[in-house]
Amino acid sequence: MLATLTAVLQDVTIEDKLKNAPNSSYEIGVVIGTYLPFIFLVLVAYYIFYKAKNRKDLND
């Protein structure tokens, strides 16, 4: 829900940025800047899952 709201408020498309890019370095930066936050969130979620799975204070 928050991601949808953020996407609507920003209203910026990657295609427009790539179409107006001055050179290929800018295009690479746009792609990295677009996907890096998602990769970071996946890594944080995996770390939290791993730590929760290996807790020693839980008695099975």
PDB file of N, CA and C in Angstrom:
ATOM      1  N   MET A   1       0.824  -1.183   0.000  1.00  0.00           N
ATOM      2  CA  MET A   1       0.000   0.000   0.000  1.00  0.00           C
ATOM      3  C   MET A   1       0.875   1.256   0.000  1.00  0.00           C
ATOM      4  N   LEU A   2       1.870   1.273   0.841  1.00  0.00           N
ATOM      5  CA  LEU A   2       2.768   2.427   0.907  1.00  0.00           C
ATOM      6  C   LEU A   2       3.564   2.574  -0.382  1.00  0.00           C
ATOM      7  N   ALA A   3       3.973   1.448  -0.950  1.00  0.00           N
ATOM      8  CA  ALA A   3       4.722   1.500  -2.203  1.00  0.00           C
ATOM      9  C   ALA A   3       3.853   2.038  -3.336  1.00  0.00           C
ATOM     10  N   THR A   4       2.587   1.667  -3.341  1.00  0.00           N
ATOM     11  CA  THR A   4       1.673   2.171  -4.369  1.00  0.00           C
ATOM     12  C   THR A   4       1.487   3.667  -4.227  1.00  0.00           C
ATOM     13  N   LEU A   5       1.306   4.119  -2.994  1.00  0.00           N
ATOM     14  CA  LEU A   5       1.142   5.553  -2.751  1.00  0.00           C
ATOM     15  C   LEU A   5       2.385   6.324  -3.168  1.00  0.00           C
ATOM     16  N   THR A   6       3.546   5.789  -2.844  1.00  0.00           N
ATOM     17  CA  THR A   6       4.805   6.437  -3.220  1.00  0.00           C
ATOM     18  C   THR A   6       4.954   6.483  -4.739  1.00  0.00           C
ATOM     19  N   ALA A   7       4.608   5.407  -5.403  1.00  0.00           N
ATOM     20  CA  ALA A   7       4.719   5.364  -6.861  1.00  0.00           C
ATOM     21  C   ALA A   7       3.785   6.370  -7.516  1.00  0.00           C
ATOM     22  N   VAL A   8       2.601   6.515  -6.976  1.00  0.00           N
ATOM     23  CA  VAL A   8       1.644   7.469  -7.546  1.00  0.00           C
ATOM     24  C   VAL A   8       2.120   8.897  -7.315  1.00  0.00           C
ATOM     25  N   LEU A   9       2.665   9.171  -6.139  1.00  0.00           N
ATOM     26  CA  LEU A   9       3.122  10.526  -5.843  1.00  0.00           C
ATOM     27  C   LEU A   9       4.345  10.919  -6.665  1.00  0.00           C
ATOM     28  N   GLN A  10       5.234   9.989  -6.889  1.00  0.00           N
ATOM     29  CA  GLN A  10       6.439  10.309  -7.652  1.00  0.00           C
ATOM     30  C   GLN A  10       6.140  10.464  -9.127  1.00  0.00           C
ATOM     31  N   ASP A  11       5.341   9.596  -9.679  1.00  0.00           N
ATOM     32  CA  ASP A  11       4.911   9.655 -11.081  1.00  0.00           C
ATOM     33  C   ASP A  11       6.082   9.855 -12.045  1.00  0.00           C
ATOM     34  N   VAL A  12       7.141   9.094 -11.821  1.00  0.00           N
ATOM     35  CA  VAL A  12       8.314   9.143 -12.695  1.00  0.00           C
ATOM     36  C   VAL A  12       8.502   7.741 -13.268  1.00  0.00           C
ATOM     37  N   THR A  13       8.633   7.656 -14.567  1.00  0.00           N
ATOM     38  CA  THR A  13       8.835   6.355 -15.183  1.00  0.00           C
ATOM     39  C   THR A  13      10.287   6.199 -15.609  1.00  0.00           C
ATOM     40  N   ILE A  14      10.741   4.985 -15.549  1.00  0.00           N
ATOM     41  CA  ILE A  14      12.122   4.689 -15.927  1.00  0.00           C
ATOM     42  C   ILE A  14      12.309   4.898 -17.422  1.00  0.00           C
ATOM     43  N   GLU A  15      11.276   4.579 -18.192  1.00  0.00           N
ATOM     44  CA  GLU A  15      11.390   4.725 -19.642  1.00  0.00           C
ATOM     45  C   GLU A  15      11.642   6.179 -20.034  1.00  0.00           C
ATOM     46  N   ASP A  16      10.971   7.111 -19.349  1.00  0.00           N
ATOM     47  CA  ASP A  16      11.197   8.530 -19.654  1.00  0.00           C
ATOM     48  C   ASP A  16      12.618   8.958 -19.305  1.00  0.00           C
ATOM     49  N   LYS A  17      13.107   8.478 -18.180  1.00  0.00           N
ATOM     50  CA  LYS A  17      14.479   8.825 -17.801  1.00  0.00           C
ATOM     51  C   LYS A  17      15.483   8.259 -18.789  1.00  0.00           C
ATOM     52  N   LEU A  18      15.272   7.029 -19.223  1.00  0.00           N
ATOM     53  CA  LEU A  18      16.202   6.418 -20.162  1.00  0.00           C
ATOM     54  C   LEU A  18      16.110   7.069 -21.536  1.00  0.00           C
ATOM     55  N   LYS A  19      14.906   7.489 -21.918  1.00  0.00           N
ATOM     56  CA  LYS A  19      14.737   8.131 -23.220  1.00  0.00           C
ATOM     57  C   LYS A  19      15.447   9.485 -23.250  1.00  0.00           C
ATOM     58  N   ASN A  20      15.451  10.193 -22.128  1.00  0.00           N
ATOM     59  CA  ASN A  20      16.066  11.517 -22.061  1.00  0.00           C
ATOM     60  C   ASN A  20      17.498  11.484 -21.526  1.00  0.00           C
ATOM     61  N   ALA A  21      18.071  10.304 -21.418  1.00  0.00           N
ATOM     62  CA  ALA A  21      19.421  10.177 -20.871  1.00  0.00           C
ATOM     63  C   ALA A  21      20.457  10.778 -21.819  1.00  0.00           C
ATOM     64  N   PRO A  22      21.406  11.535 -21.271  1.00  0.00           N
ATOM     65  CA  PRO A  22      22.429  12.141 -22.127  1.00  0.00           C
ATOM     66  C   PRO A  22      23.438  11.129 -22.673  1.00  0.00           C
ATOM     67  N   ASN A  23      23.735  10.087 -21.908  1.00  0.00           N
ATOM     68  CA  ASN A  23      24.682   9.075 -22.382  1.00  0.00           C
ATOM     69  C   ASN A  23      24.415   7.751 -21.683  1.00  0.00           C
ATOM     70  N   SER A  24      25.208   6.731 -21.998  1.00  0.00           N
ATOM     71  CA  SER A  24      24.969   5.397 -21.453  1.00  0.00           C
ATOM     72  C   SER A  24      25.306   5.305 -19.968  1.00  0.00           C
ATOM     73  N   SER A  25      26.204   6.139 -19.490  1.00  0.00           N
ATOM     74  CA  SER A  25      26.535   6.111 -18.055  1.00  0.00           C
ATOM     75  C   SER A  25      25.335   6.518 -17.216  1.00  0.00           C
ATOM     76  N   TYR A  26      24.593   7.475 -17.696  1.00  0.00           N
ATOM     77  CA  TYR A  26      23.380   7.901 -16.989  1.00  0.00           C
ATOM     78  C   TYR A  26      22.355   6.784 -16.970  1.00  0.00           C
ATOM     79  N   GLU A  27      22.233   6.055 -18.074  1.00  0.00           N
ATOM     80  CA  GLU A  27      21.295   4.942 -18.144  1.00  0.00           C
ATOM     81  C   GLU A  27      21.660   3.856 -17.143  1.00  0.00           C
ATOM     82  N   ILE A  28      22.936   3.565 -17.029  1.00  0.00           N
ATOM     83  CA  ILE A  28      23.389   2.555 -16.061  1.00  0.00           C
ATOM     84  C   ILE A  28      23.073   3.011 -14.647  1.00  0.00           C
ATOM     85  N   GLY A  29      23.286   4.278 -14.360  1.00  0.00           N
ATOM     86  CA  GLY A  29      22.981   4.809 -13.033  1.00  0.00           C
ATOM     87  C   GLY A  29      21.504   4.749 -12.706  1.00  0.00           C
ATOM     88  N   VAL A  30      20.656   4.997 -13.689  1.00  0.00           N
ATOM     89  CA  VAL A  30      19.208   4.920 -13.473  1.00  0.00           C
ATOM     90  C   VAL A  30      18.795   3.487 -13.163  1.00  0.00           C
ATOM     91  N   VAL A  31      19.340   2.545 -13.905  1.00  0.00           N
ATOM     92  CA  VAL A  31      18.996   1.139 -13.682  1.00  0.00           C
ATOM     93  C   VAL A  31      19.466   0.688 -12.295  1.00  0.00           C
ATOM     94  N   ILE A  32      20.685   1.018 -11.936  1.00  0.00           N
ATOM     95  CA  ILE A  32      21.210   0.640 -10.624  1.00  0.00           C
ATOM     96  C   ILE A  32      20.403   1.315  -9.517  1.00  0.00           C
ATOM     97  N   GLY A  33      20.102   2.583  -9.677  1.00  0.00           N
ATOM     98  CA  GLY A  33      19.339   3.303  -8.669  1.00  0.00           C
ATOM     99  C   GLY A  33      17.916   2.821  -8.540  1.00  0.00           C
ATOM    100  N   THR A  34      17.392   2.222  -9.583  1.00  0.00           N
ATOM    101  CA  THR A  34      16.033   1.696  -9.539  1.00  0.00           C
ATOM    102  C   THR A  34      15.981   0.359  -8.815  1.00  0.00           C
ATOM    103  N   TYR A  35      16.921  -0.508  -9.094  1.00  0.00           N
ATOM    104  CA  TYR A  35      16.866  -1.858  -8.530  1.00  0.00           C
ATOM    105  C   TYR A  35      17.582  -2.011  -7.203  1.00  0.00           C
ATOM    106  N   LEU A  36      18.503  -1.149  -6.878  1.00  0.00           N
ATOM    107  CA  LEU A  36      19.268  -1.277  -5.637  1.00  0.00           C
ATOM    108  C   LEU A  36      18.400  -1.245  -4.375  1.00  0.00           C
ATOM    109  N   PRO A  37      17.414  -0.371  -4.265  1.00  0.00           N
ATOM    110  CA  PRO A  37      16.579  -0.403  -3.052  1.00  0.00           C
ATOM    111  C   PRO A  37      15.845  -1.726  -2.872  1.00  0.00           C
ATOM    112  N   PHE A  38      15.372  -2.328  -3.958  1.00  0.00           N
ATOM    113  CA  PHE A  38      14.672  -3.600  -3.855  1.00  0.00           C
ATOM    114  C   PHE A  38      15.620  -4.714  -3.444  1.00  0.00           C
ATOM    115  N   ILE A  39      16.814  -4.716  -3.985  1.00  0.00           N
ATOM    116  CA  ILE A  39      17.806  -5.721  -3.601  1.00  0.00           C
ATOM    117  C   ILE A  39      18.152  -5.572  -2.128  1.00  0.00           C
ATOM    118  N   PHE A  40      18.307  -4.333  -1.679  1.00  0.00           N
ATOM    119  CA  PHE A  40      18.615  -4.085  -0.272  1.00  0.00           C
ATOM    120  C   PHE A  40      17.492  -4.592   0.631  1.00  0.00           C
ATOM    121  N   LEU A  41      16.251  -4.338   0.268  1.00  0.00           N
ATOM    122  CA  LEU A  41      15.122  -4.804   1.081  1.00  0.00           C
ATOM    123  C   LEU A  41      15.040  -6.326   1.122  1.00  0.00           C
ATOM    124  N   VAL A  42      15.352  -6.983   0.015  1.00  0.00           N
ATOM    125  CA  VAL A  42      15.354  -8.450   0.000  1.00  0.00           C
ATOM    126  C   VAL A  42      16.439  -8.980   0.916  1.00  0.00           C
ATOM    127  N   LEU A  43      17.609  -8.367   0.890  1.00  0.00           N
ATOM    128  CA  LEU A  43      18.694  -8.809   1.768  1.00  0.00           C
ATOM    129  C   LEU A  43      18.355  -8.598   3.241  1.00  0.00           C
ATOM    130  N   VAL A  44      17.729  -7.490   3.578  1.00  0.00           N
ATOM    131  CA  VAL A  44      17.323  -7.233   4.961  1.00  0.00           C
ATOM    132  C   VAL A  44      16.266  -8.248   5.391  1.00  0.00           C
ATOM    133  N   ALA A  45      15.305  -8.541   4.522  1.00  0.00           N
ATOM    134  CA  ALA A  45      14.266  -9.522   4.849  1.00  0.00           C
ATOM    135  C   ALA A  45      14.875 -10.906   5.054  1.00  0.00           C
ATOM    136  N   TYR A  46      15.835 -11.279   4.218  1.00  0.00           N
ATOM    137  CA  TYR A  46      16.487 -12.569   4.373  1.00  0.00           C
ATOM    138  C   TYR A  46      17.257 -12.634   5.685  1.00  0.00           C
ATOM    139  N   TYR A  47      17.949 -11.556   6.036  1.00  0.00           N
ATOM    140  CA  TYR A  47      18.701 -11.527   7.291  1.00  0.00           C
ATOM    141  C   TYR A  47      17.767 -11.670   8.483  1.00  0.00           C
ATOM    142  N   ILE A  48      16.649 -10.979   8.470  1.00  0.00           N
ATOM    143  CA  ILE A  48      15.686 -11.084   9.572  1.00  0.00           C
ATOM    144  C   ILE A  48      15.128 -12.500   9.641  1.00  0.00           C
ATOM    145  N   PHE A  49      14.811 -13.097   8.505  1.00  0.00           N
ATOM    146  CA  PHE A  49      14.313 -14.469   8.476  1.00  0.00           C
ATOM    147  C   PHE A  49      15.354 -15.434   9.023  1.00  0.00           C
ATOM    148  N   TYR A  50      16.606 -15.268   8.606  1.00  0.00           N
ATOM    149  CA  TYR A  50      17.679 -16.153   9.055  1.00  0.00           C
ATOM    150  C   TYR A  50      17.866 -16.061  10.563  1.00  0.00           C
ATOM    151  N   LYS A  51      17.876 -14.834  11.094  1.00  0.00           N
ATOM    152  CA  LYS A  51      18.053 -14.662  12.536  1.00  0.00           C
ATOM    153  C   LYS A  51      16.875 -15.229  13.318  1.00  0.00           C
ATOM    154  N   ALA A  52      15.668 -15.048  12.820  1.00  0.00           N
ATOM    155  CA  ALA A  52      14.488 -15.570  13.508  1.00  0.00           C
ATOM    156  C   ALA A  52      14.463 -17.096  13.456  1.00  0.00           C
ATOM    157  N   LYS A  53      14.920 -17.661  12.372  1.00  0.00           N
ATOM    158  CA  LYS A  53      14.925 -19.118  12.227  1.00  0.00           C
ATOM    159  C   LYS A  53      15.938 -19.770  13.157  1.00  0.00           C
ATOM    160  N   ASN A  54      17.044 -19.127  13.407  1.00  0.00           N
ATOM    161  CA  ASN A  54      18.123 -19.711  14.206  1.00  0.00           C
ATOM    162  C   ASN A  54      18.152 -19.217  15.649  1.00  0.00           C
ATOM    163  N   ARG A  55      17.034 -18.756  16.151  1.00  0.00           N
ATOM    164  CA  ARG A  55      17.012 -18.300  17.555  1.00  0.00           C
ATOM    165  C   ARG A  55      17.215 -19.485  18.490  1.00  0.00           C
ATOM    166  N   LYS A  56      18.020 -19.281  19.496  1.00  0.00           N
ATOM    167  CA  LYS A  56      18.333 -20.363  20.446  1.00  0.00           C
ATOM    168  C   LYS A  56      17.381 -20.376  21.638  1.00  0.00           C
ATOM    169  N   ASP A  57      16.644 -19.299  21.859  1.00  0.00           N
ATOM    170  CA  ASP A  57      15.791 -19.238  23.052  1.00  0.00           C
ATOM    171  C   ASP A  57      14.419 -19.854  22.832  1.00  0.00           C
ATOM    172  N   LEU A  58      14.164 -20.390  21.664  1.00  0.00           N
ATOM    173  CA  LEU A  58      12.894 -21.054  21.406  1.00  0.00           C
ATOM    174  C   LEU A  58      13.020 -22.536  21.694  1.00  0.00           C
ATOM    175  N   ASN A  59      12.068 -23.075  22.406  1.00  0.00           N
ATOM    176  CA  ASN A  59      12.053 -24.510  22.686  1.00  0.00           C
ATOM    177  C   ASN A  59      11.041 -25.165  21.774  1.00  0.00           C
ATOM    178  N   ASP A  60      11.502 -26.054  20.920  1.00  0.00           N
ATOM    179  CA  ASP A  60      10.591 -26.719  19.984  1.00  0.00           C
ATOM    180  C   ASP A  60       9.942 -27.914  20.635  1.00  0.00           C
TER     181      ASP A  60
END
